[in-house]
């Protein structure tokens, strides 16, 4: 197929009005199609997938494309931002952070970061910046962390979340129910 006859993708993009949130080393910006390669690279890593409830492992063909297409079209209950660290001399995408709208002015935060930036404070910086912007106008934000991932629990406590209890969540990548810690942040 020649470039002149190659099909053009005509995705509906509803994220263009989504707020961009700056921080010291990051820009939290809407996802774009060019993020797919780095999302696939990092999300396919077992160290990332098995620490999230929704990323399958191994990552099936087309999963990243479906995710980015859904997010860009504004489908689903969540708003998703790329953690863009290019201004700090790193990759255009070093992780993803999301807010899922719930009822009663509540949201749930979710995030993952690439193993190459673990223990750099970028996850805490992204979560803190997103909370400061509070683009969903939430009065309360919840976070759920697998109990075998204390580093993610530190991200939430560093951002002012309080522990409220234990629960369980199904992890697609593990194919099992995994014990979790639940946190809440009052937004004022």
C-alpha atoms as a PDB file:
ATOM      1  CA  UNK A   1       0.000   0.000   0.000  1.00  0.00           C
ATOM      2  CA  UNK A   2       1.464   3.351  -0.954  1.00  0.00           C
ATOM      3  CA  UNK A   3       1.260   6.361   1.366  1.00  0.00           C
ATOM      4  CA  UNK A   4      -1.169   7.998  -1.058  1.00  0.00           C
ATOM      5  CA  UNK A   5      -3.638   5.112  -0.752  1.00  0.00           C
ATOM      6  CA  UNK A   6      -3.140   4.310   2.933  1.00  0.00           C
ATOM      7  CA  UNK A   7      -6.312   4.677   4.973  1.00  0.00           C
ATOM      8  CA  UNK A   8      -6.514   7.693   7.272  1.00  0.00           C
ATOM      9  CA  UNK A   9      -7.801   7.276  10.768  1.00  0.00           C
ATOM     10  CA  UNK A  10     -10.624   9.696  11.495  1.00  0.00           C
ATOM     11  CA  UNK A  11     -10.980   9.387  15.253  1.00  0.00           C
ATOM     12  CA  UNK A  12     -13.382  11.648  17.045  1.00  0.00           C
ATOM     13  CA  UNK A  13     -11.284  13.566  19.575  1.00  0.00           C
ATOM     14  CA  UNK A  14     -13.158  14.825  22.618  1.00  0.00           C
ATOM     15  CA  UNK A  15     -10.100  15.275  24.837  1.00  0.00           C
ATOM     16  CA  UNK A  16      -9.073  18.529  23.142  1.00  0.00           C
ATOM     17  CA  UNK A  17     -11.007  20.495  25.775  1.00  0.00           C
ATOM     18  CA  UNK A  18      -9.508  18.489  28.638  1.00  0.00           C
ATOM     19  CA  UNK A  19      -7.390  20.637  30.934  1.00  0.00           C
ATOM     20  CA  UNK A  20      -3.584  20.299  30.833  1.00  0.00           C
ATOM     21  CA  UNK A  21      -2.050  20.309  34.314  1.00  0.00           C
ATOM     22  CA  UNK A  22       1.547  21.513  34.718  1.00  0.00           C
ATOM     23  CA  UNK A  23       3.905  20.503  37.524  1.00  0.00           C
ATOM     24  CA  UNK A  24       7.611  21.009  38.132  1.00  0.00           C
ATOM     25  CA  UNK A  25       8.836  18.139  35.908  1.00  0.00           C
ATOM     26  CA  UNK A  26       5.643  16.981  34.196  1.00  0.00           C
ATOM     27  CA  UNK A  27       2.824  18.132  32.036  1.00  0.00           C
ATOM     28  CA  UNK A  28      -0.349  16.118  32.538  1.00  0.00           C
ATOM     29  CA  UNK A  29      -1.965  16.325  29.118  1.00  0.00           C
ATOM     30  CA  UNK A  30      -4.679  14.490  27.196  1.00  0.00           C
ATOM     31  CA  UNK A  31      -3.621  11.284  25.478  1.00  0.00           C
ATOM     32  CA  UNK A  32      -2.851  11.406  21.786  1.00  0.00           C
ATOM     33  CA  UNK A  33      -2.462   8.676  19.235  1.00  0.00           C
ATOM     34  CA  UNK A  34       1.344   9.114  19.188  1.00  0.00           C
ATOM     35  CA  UNK A  35       1.435   7.895  22.836  1.00  0.00           C
ATOM     36  CA  UNK A  36       0.440   4.382  21.816  1.00  0.00           C
ATOM     37  CA  UNK A  37       3.984   3.059  21.376  1.00  0.00           C
ATOM     38  CA  UNK A  38       5.150   4.076  24.859  1.00  0.00           C
ATOM     39  CA  UNK A  39       1.870   3.012  26.476  1.00  0.00           C
ATOM     40  CA  UNK A  40       2.221  -0.403  24.867  1.00  0.00           C
ATOM     41  CA  UNK A  41       5.896  -0.671  25.842  1.00  0.00           C
ATOM     42  CA  UNK A  42       5.284   0.108  29.505  1.00  0.00           C
ATOM     43  CA  UNK A  43       1.815  -1.442  29.982  1.00  0.00           C
ATOM     44  CA  UNK A  44       3.036  -4.728  28.500  1.00  0.00           C
ATOM     45  CA  UNK A  45       5.686  -4.933  31.230  1.00  0.00           C
ATOM     46  CA  UNK A  46       4.536  -7.400  33.904  1.00  0.00           C
ATOM     47  CA  UNK A  47       5.887  -5.088  36.622  1.00  0.00           C
ATOM     48  CA  UNK A  48       3.306  -2.498  35.528  1.00  0.00           C
ATOM     49  CA  UNK A  49       0.371  -4.665  34.411  1.00  0.00           C
ATOM     50  CA  UNK A  50       0.292  -6.829  37.518  1.00  0.00           C
ATOM     51  CA  UNK A  51       0.115  -3.754  39.779  1.00  0.00           C
ATOM     52  CA  UNK A  52      -3.078  -2.480  38.118  1.00  0.00           C
ATOM     53  CA  UNK A  53      -6.559  -3.982  38.202  1.00  0.00           C
ATOM     54  CA  UNK A  54      -7.336  -3.468  34.508  1.00  0.00           C
ATOM     55  CA  UNK A  55      -4.234  -4.065  32.344  1.00  0.00           C
ATOM     56  CA  UNK A  56      -4.174  -7.620  30.977  1.00  0.00           C
ATOM     57  CA  UNK A  57      -0.918  -9.556  30.912  1.00  0.00           C
ATOM     58  CA  UNK A  58       0.240 -10.497  28.417  1.00  0.00           C
ATOM     59  CA  UNK A  59      -1.129  -7.431  26.652  1.00  0.00           C
ATOM     60  CA  UNK A  60      -3.278  -8.646  23.733  1.00  0.00           C
ATOM     61  CA  UNK A  61      -2.889  -7.189  20.250  1.00  0.00           C
ATOM     62  CA  UNK A  62      -5.045  -4.107  19.770  1.00  0.00           C
ATOM     63  CA  UNK A  63      -5.547  -3.428  23.505  1.00  0.00           C
ATOM     64  CA  UNK A  64      -3.533  -0.207  23.483  1.00  0.00           C
ATOM     65  CA  UNK A  65      -5.236   1.055  20.329  1.00  0.00           C
ATOM     66  CA  UNK A  66      -8.656   0.326  21.833  1.00  0.00           C
ATOM     67  CA  UNK A  67      -7.718   2.104  25.076  1.00  0.00           C
ATOM     68  CA  UNK A  68      -6.390   5.238  23.372  1.00  0.00           C
ATOM     69  CA  UNK A  69      -9.311   5.352  20.929  1.00  0.00           C
ATOM     70  CA  UNK A  70     -11.837   5.054  23.798  1.00  0.00           C
ATOM     71  CA  UNK A  71     -10.118   7.767  25.841  1.00  0.00           C
ATOM     72  CA  UNK A  72      -9.741  10.172  22.913  1.00  0.00           C
ATOM     73  CA  UNK A  73     -13.418   9.719  22.025  1.00  0.00           C
ATOM     74  CA  UNK A  74     -14.441  10.566  25.591  1.00  0.00           C
ATOM     75  CA  UNK A  75     -16.100   7.192  26.081  1.00  0.00           C
ATOM     76  CA  UNK A  76     -16.251   5.713  29.550  1.00  0.00           C
ATOM     77  CA  UNK A  77     -16.393   7.257  32.986  1.00  0.00           C
ATOM     78  CA  UNK A  78     -12.749   8.249  33.317  1.00  0.00           C
ATOM     79  CA  UNK A  79     -10.574  11.156  32.256  1.00  0.00           C
ATOM     80  CA  UNK A  80      -7.008  10.087  31.431  1.00  0.00           C
ATOM     81  CA  UNK A  81      -3.820  12.141  31.278  1.00  0.00           C
ATOM     82  CA  UNK A  82      -0.393  11.267  29.926  1.00  0.00           C
ATOM     83  CA  UNK A  83       2.459  12.038  32.304  1.00  0.00           C
ATOM     84  CA  UNK A  84       4.623  13.922  29.796  1.00  0.00           C
ATOM     85  CA  UNK A  85       8.185  14.428  31.067  1.00  0.00           C
ATOM     86  CA  UNK A  86       9.714  15.708  27.823  1.00  0.00           C
ATOM     87  CA  UNK A  87      10.407  19.168  29.294  1.00  0.00           C
ATOM     88  CA  UNK A  88      12.537  17.441  31.964  1.00  0.00           C
ATOM     89  CA  UNK A  89      14.554  15.590  29.314  1.00  0.00           C
ATOM     90  CA  UNK A  90      12.662  12.296  29.642  1.00  0.00           C
ATOM     91  CA  UNK A  91      10.069  10.508  27.503  1.00  0.00           C
ATOM     92  CA  UNK A  92       6.885  12.129  26.221  1.00  0.00           C
ATOM     93  CA  UNK A  93       5.018   9.550  28.251  1.00  0.00           C
ATOM     94  CA  UNK A  94       6.342   8.074  31.496  1.00  0.00           C
ATOM     95  CA  UNK A  95       2.980   7.028  32.901  1.00  0.00           C
ATOM     96  CA  UNK A  96      -0.745   7.571  32.963  1.00  0.00           C
ATOM     97  CA  UNK A  97      -3.009   9.068  35.625  1.00  0.00           C
ATOM     98  CA  UNK A  98      -6.808   9.015  35.584  1.00  0.00           C
ATOM     99  CA  UNK A  99      -9.852  10.203  37.465  1.00  0.00           C
ATOM    100  CA  UNK A 100     -13.025   8.141  37.282  1.00  0.00           C
ATOM    101  CA  UNK A 101     -16.182  10.071  38.108  1.00  0.00           C
ATOM    102  CA  UNK A 102     -18.403   8.530  40.731  1.00  0.00           C
ATOM    103  CA  UNK A 103     -21.678   9.778  42.182  1.00  0.00           C
ATOM    104  CA  UNK A 104     -22.060  12.362  45.005  1.00  0.00           C
ATOM    105  CA  UNK A 105     -19.151  14.550  43.764  1.00  0.00           C
ATOM    106  CA  UNK A 106     -16.623  11.760  44.226  1.00  0.00           C
ATOM    107  CA  UNK A 107     -13.866  10.450  41.959  1.00  0.00           C
ATOM    108  CA  UNK A 108     -11.397   7.588  42.024  1.00  0.00           C
ATOM    109  CA  UNK A 109      -7.772   8.132  41.062  1.00  0.00           C
ATOM    110  CA  UNK A 110      -5.691   5.551  39.226  1.00  0.00           C
ATOM    111  CA  UNK A 111      -2.147   5.689  37.897  1.00  0.00           C
ATOM    112  CA  UNK A 112       0.846   3.744  36.725  1.00  0.00           C
ATOM    113  CA  UNK A 113       4.380   4.849  35.916  1.00  0.00           C
ATOM    114  CA  UNK A 114       7.084   3.291  33.786  1.00  0.00           C
ATOM    115  CA  UNK A 115       9.637   1.237  35.730  1.00  0.00           C
ATOM    116  CA  UNK A 116      12.410   3.512  34.412  1.00  0.00           C
ATOM    117  CA  UNK A 117      11.053   6.341  36.596  1.00  0.00           C
ATOM    118  CA  UNK A 118      10.167   4.362  39.713  1.00  0.00           C
ATOM    119  CA  UNK A 119      11.433   5.960  42.928  1.00  0.00           C
ATOM    120  CA  UNK A 120      11.897   9.373  41.294  1.00  0.00           C
ATOM    121  CA  UNK A 121       8.860  11.056  42.842  1.00  0.00           C
ATOM    122  CA  UNK A 122       7.137  11.518  39.470  1.00  0.00           C
ATOM    123  CA  UNK A 123       4.054   9.538  40.495  1.00  0.00           C
ATOM    124  CA  UNK A 124       3.661  11.645  43.648  1.00  0.00           C
ATOM    125  CA  UNK A 125       4.198  14.811  41.608  1.00  0.00           C
ATOM    126  CA  UNK A 126       1.533  13.789  39.072  1.00  0.00           C
ATOM    127  CA  UNK A 127      -1.035  12.828  41.706  1.00  0.00           C
ATOM    128  CA  UNK A 128      -0.413  15.993  43.734  1.00  0.00           C
ATOM    129  CA  UNK A 129      -0.717  18.222  40.635  1.00  0.00           C
ATOM    130  CA  UNK A 130      -3.931  16.537  39.521  1.00  0.00           C
ATOM    131  CA  UNK A 131      -5.445  16.880  42.993  1.00  0.00           C
ATOM    132  CA  UNK A 132      -4.537  20.580  43.078  1.00  0.00           C
ATOM    133  CA  UNK A 133      -6.300  21.095  39.729  1.00  0.00           C
ATOM    134  CA  UNK A 134      -9.266  18.885  40.742  1.00  0.00           C
ATOM    135  CA  UNK A 135     -10.705  18.918  37.195  1.00  0.00           C
ATOM    136  CA  UNK A 136     -13.743  16.839  38.168  1.00  0.00           C
ATOM    137  CA  UNK A 137     -14.650  19.186  41.024  1.00  0.00           C
ATOM    138  CA  UNK A 138     -14.714  16.239  43.425  1.00  0.00           C
ATOM    139  CA  UNK A 139     -15.303  16.710  47.137  1.00  0.00           C
ATOM    140  CA  UNK A 140     -13.718  13.330  47.853  1.00  0.00           C
ATOM    141  CA  UNK A 141     -11.216  11.272  45.868  1.00  0.00           C
ATOM    142  CA  UNK A 142     -10.627   7.595  46.543  1.00  0.00           C
ATOM    143  CA  UNK A 143      -7.626   5.454  45.697  1.00  0.00           C
ATOM    144  CA  UNK A 144      -7.224   1.683  45.829  1.00  0.00           C
ATOM    145  CA  UNK A 145      -3.815   0.000  45.954  1.00  0.00           C
ATOM    146  CA  UNK A 146      -2.845  -3.673  45.906  1.00  0.00           C
ATOM    147  CA  UNK A 147      -1.410  -4.607  49.295  1.00  0.00           C
ATOM    148  CA  UNK A 148       1.750  -5.992  47.673  1.00  0.00           C
ATOM    149  CA  UNK A 149       2.516  -2.522  46.223  1.00  0.00           C
ATOM    150  CA  UNK A 150       3.532  -0.321  49.185  1.00  0.00           C
ATOM    151  CA  UNK A 151       5.290   2.187  46.893  1.00  0.00           C
ATOM    152  CA  UNK A 152       1.909   3.168  45.395  1.00  0.00           C
ATOM    153  CA  UNK A 153       0.451   3.459  48.882  1.00  0.00           C
ATOM    154  CA  UNK A 154       3.223   5.959  49.702  1.00  0.00           C
ATOM    155  CA  UNK A 155       2.258   7.983  46.623  1.00  0.00           C
ATOM    156  CA  UNK A 156      -1.253   8.392  48.022  1.00  0.00           C
ATOM    157  CA  UNK A 157      -0.190   9.143  51.592  1.00  0.00           C
ATOM    158  CA  UNK A 158       2.360  11.680  50.272  1.00  0.00           C
ATOM    159  CA  UNK A 159      -0.552  13.369  48.460  1.00  0.00           C
ATOM    160  CA  UNK A 160      -2.642  13.680  51.634  1.00  0.00           C
ATOM    161  CA  UNK A 161      -4.800  10.557  51.375  1.00  0.00           C
ATOM    162  CA  UNK A 162      -5.922   8.750  54.526  1.00  0.00           C
ATOM    163  CA  UNK A 163      -6.218   4.971  54.837  1.00  0.00           C
ATOM    164  CA  UNK A 164      -9.827   3.865  55.386  1.00  0.00           C
ATOM    165  CA  UNK A 165      -9.764   0.070  55.108  1.00  0.00           C
ATOM    166  CA  UNK A 166      -9.032  -3.188  53.365  1.00  0.00           C
ATOM    167  CA  UNK A 167     -10.943  -4.674  50.455  1.00  0.00           C
ATOM    168  CA  UNK A 168     -10.376  -6.895  47.422  1.00  0.00           C
ATOM    169  CA  UNK A 169     -10.276  -6.166  43.697  1.00  0.00           C
ATOM    170  CA  UNK A 170     -10.064  -8.450  40.693  1.00  0.00           C
ATOM    171  CA  UNK A 171      -6.787  -8.075  38.782  1.00  0.00           C
ATOM    172  CA  UNK A 172      -7.163  -8.886  35.078  1.00  0.00           C
ATOM    173  CA  UNK A 173      -3.413  -9.481  34.612  1.00  0.00           C
ATOM    174  CA  UNK A 174      -3.219 -11.929  37.519  1.00  0.00           C
ATOM    175  CA  UNK A 175      -6.602 -13.495  36.844  1.00  0.00           C
ATOM    176  CA  UNK A 176      -7.273 -13.376  40.583  1.00  0.00           C
ATOM    177  CA  UNK A 177      -8.849 -11.379  43.368  1.00  0.00           C
ATOM    178  CA  UNK A 178      -6.142  -9.367  45.138  1.00  0.00           C
ATOM    179  CA  UNK A 179      -6.269  -7.775  48.621  1.00  0.00           C
ATOM    180  CA  UNK A 180      -6.262  -3.955  48.509  1.00  0.00           C
ATOM    181  CA  UNK A 181      -5.904  -0.925  50.739  1.00  0.00           C
ATOM    182  CA  UNK A 182      -8.439   1.876  50.239  1.00  0.00           C
ATOM    183  CA  UNK A 183      -7.622   5.557  50.759  1.00  0.00           C
ATOM    184  CA  UNK A 184      -9.620   8.780  50.689  1.00  0.00           C
ATOM    185  CA  UNK A 185      -8.707  12.432  50.277  1.00  0.00           C
ATOM    186  CA  UNK A 186     -11.121  15.163  51.345  1.00  0.00           C
ATOM    187  CA  UNK A 187     -10.922  17.987  48.816  1.00  0.00           C
ATOM    188  CA  UNK A 188     -12.344  20.817  51.002  1.00  0.00           C
END
